Amino acid sequence: MRVPRKNTFREGGEKLGISWQTVKNRFNKISTQCKIFSCFFPLGYYGYHQIFLTFKTKYEAGLINSLKKLDRTTYLWKFNDTIILNVFLLPDALSYNRASDRFQELEEMGMICDLHVSIPIRCHNTFYMPE
């Protein structure tokens, strides 16, 4: 039931092997707990380079406030005491270097620790056309 609007509760119940009332009750329970998730990418999702960072910090509020100043969506997760951050960078040749340099400076200043930077080996980019 990936696209629930295309299936009736009866069809869902038949596929899952349960009654349509159970499907309806579970669907209503889950849908009331859902949050609306919208992303904003002015150049389109595939118009940016991505960089994936993990680190530890005591300055989470300041980090979140700084990320709010970006003109595009940034994904941030917290797992135990580790921050996991997926940043979408402008599509230029030095964007990876600038971003990783800034986070390395934060690590040197002691604002973050245990920094790990990952750059995708290959990802789609609208503005990069290989020859």
Protein backbone atom coordinates (compact mmCIF):
# COMPACT_ATOMS: atom_id res chain seq x y z
CA MET A 1 0.00 0.00 0.00
CA ARG A 2 2.64 2.52 -1.04
CA VAL A 3 -0.01 4.80 -2.54
CA PRO A 4 -2.97 4.40 -0.16
CA ARG A 5 -5.32 6.61 -2.19
CA LYS A 6 -5.25 4.12 -5.06
CA ASN A 7 -6.46 1.25 -2.86
CA THR A 8 -9.62 0.91 -0.84
CA PHE A 9 -9.51 -0.37 2.72
CA ARG A 10 -11.13 -3.58 1.45
CA GLU A 11 -8.38 -4.09 -1.17
CA GLY A 12 -5.72 -3.37 1.43
CA GLY A 13 -7.28 -5.84 3.83
CA GLU A 14 -7.34 -8.54 1.16
CA LYS A 15 -3.66 -7.94 0.29
CA LEU A 16 -2.62 -7.99 3.95
CA GLY A 17 -4.93 -10.81 5.00
CA ILE A 18 -6.81 -8.77 7.64
CA SER A 19 -10.23 -7.14 7.83
CA TRP A 20 -10.91 -3.79 6.16
CA GLN A 21 -11.89 -2.31 9.56
CA THR A 22 -8.43 -3.15 10.93
CA VAL A 23 -6.79 -1.52 7.90
CA LYS A 24 -8.97 1.59 8.32
CA ASN A 25 -8.26 1.85 12.07
CA ARG A 26 -4.51 1.45 11.62
CA PHE A 27 -4.45 3.89 8.70
CA ASN A 28 -6.32 6.53 10.72
CA LYS A 29 -4.08 5.98 13.75
CA ILE A 30 -0.88 6.32 11.70
CA SER A 31 -2.08 9.28 9.62
CA THR A 32 -2.90 11.32 12.75
CA GLN A 33 0.72 10.90 13.89
CA CYS A 34 2.21 12.01 10.56
CA LYS A 35 3.82 15.40 10.07
CA ILE A 36 3.89 17.29 6.79
CA PHE A 37 7.38 17.21 5.31
CA SER A 38 8.22 19.72 2.62
CA CYS A 39 11.63 20.49 1.18
CA PHE A 40 12.87 23.58 -0.62
CA PHE A 41 15.55 23.39 -3.29
CA PRO A 42 15.58 26.52 -5.51
CA LEU A 43 17.81 24.82 -8.10
CA GLY A 44 15.92 21.53 -7.82
CA TYR A 45 16.94 18.53 -5.72
CA TYR A 46 19.50 17.39 -8.29
CA GLY A 47 20.93 20.90 -8.76
CA TYR A 48 23.21 20.69 -5.73
CA HIS A 49 26.29 18.81 -4.58
CA GLN A 50 25.83 16.89 -1.33
CA ILE A 51 28.15 16.45 1.62
CA PHE A 52 27.44 14.14 4.54
CA LEU A 53 28.96 14.96 7.94
CA THR A 54 28.91 13.31 11.35
CA PHE A 55 30.25 14.97 14.49
CA LYS A 56 29.59 15.62 18.16
CA THR A 57 28.85 19.04 19.64
CA LYS A 58 27.38 20.81 22.65
CA TYR A 59 26.19 23.71 20.49
CA GLU A 60 23.17 22.13 18.81
CA ALA A 61 20.94 25.21 19.11
CA GLY A 62 23.54 27.45 17.47
CA LEU A 63 24.02 24.92 14.68
CA ILE A 64 20.29 24.73 14.01
CA ASN A 65 20.00 28.53 13.96
CA SER A 66 22.91 28.76 11.50
CA LEU A 67 21.37 26.14 9.21
CA LYS A 68 18.10 28.11 9.15
CA LYS A 69 19.95 30.89 7.32
CA LEU A 70 20.56 28.65 4.29
CA ASP A 71 18.21 29.14 1.34
CA ARG A 72 17.60 25.41 0.95
CA THR A 73 16.73 22.32 2.93
CA THR A 74 19.37 20.65 5.08
CA TYR A 75 18.76 17.30 6.74
CA LEU A 76 19.86 16.98 10.37
CA TRP A 77 19.48 13.92 12.58
CA LYS A 78 20.71 13.17 16.06
CA PHE A 79 21.71 9.65 17.00
CA ASN A 80 22.74 9.28 20.64
CA ASP A 81 25.33 12.07 21.00
CA THR A 82 26.25 12.25 17.30
CA ILE A 83 24.88 14.81 14.84
CA ILE A 84 24.33 13.53 11.32
CA LEU A 85 24.12 16.33 8.76
CA ASN A 86 23.37 16.23 5.03
CA VAL A 87 24.15 19.61 3.45
CA PHE A 88 23.29 20.56 -0.13
CA LEU A 89 26.04 22.73 -1.61
CA LEU A 90 26.03 25.11 -4.54
CA PRO A 91 27.17 23.40 -7.75
CA ASP A 92 30.68 24.78 -8.12
CA ALA A 93 34.06 23.08 -8.14
CA LEU A 94 35.24 24.31 -4.72
CA SER A 95 32.03 23.89 -2.72
CA TYR A 96 33.20 20.63 -1.10
CA ASN A 97 36.50 22.18 -0.07
CA ARG A 98 34.90 25.28 1.44
CA ALA A 99 32.32 23.31 3.40
CA SER A 100 34.77 20.76 4.77
CA ASP A 101 37.24 23.56 5.62
CA ARG A 102 34.58 25.40 7.66
CA PHE A 103 33.72 22.31 9.66
CA GLN A 104 37.40 21.52 10.17
CA GLU A 105 37.85 25.05 11.55
CA LEU A 106 34.98 24.42 13.98
CA GLU A 107 36.70 21.22 15.09
CA GLU A 108 40.00 23.05 15.59
CA MET A 109 38.22 25.72 17.68
CA GLY A 110 36.74 22.96 19.85
CA MET A 111 33.11 23.65 18.94
CA ILE A 112 32.70 20.19 17.41
CA CYS A 113 34.65 16.97 17.80
CA ASP A 114 34.94 13.58 16.11
CA LEU A 115 34.26 15.05 12.64
CA HIS A 116 33.79 12.67 9.71
CA VAL A 117 33.13 13.98 6.20
CA SER A 118 31.74 11.88 3.37
CA ILE A 119 31.31 12.98 -0.22
CA PRO A 120 29.32 10.80 -2.63
CA ILE A 121 31.51 9.12 -5.23
CA ARG A 122 28.84 9.73 -7.80
CA CYS A 123 25.50 11.48 -7.72
CA HIS A 124 23.29 13.13 -10.29
CA ASN A 125 23.81 16.85 -10.83
CA THR A 126 21.74 18.90 -13.25
CA PHE A 127 24.53 21.36 -13.99
CA TYR A 128 27.34 18.88 -14.55
CA MET A 129 27.52 17.27 -17.95
CA PRO A 130 30.43 14.82 -18.37
CA GLU A 131 32.16 14.95 -21.74
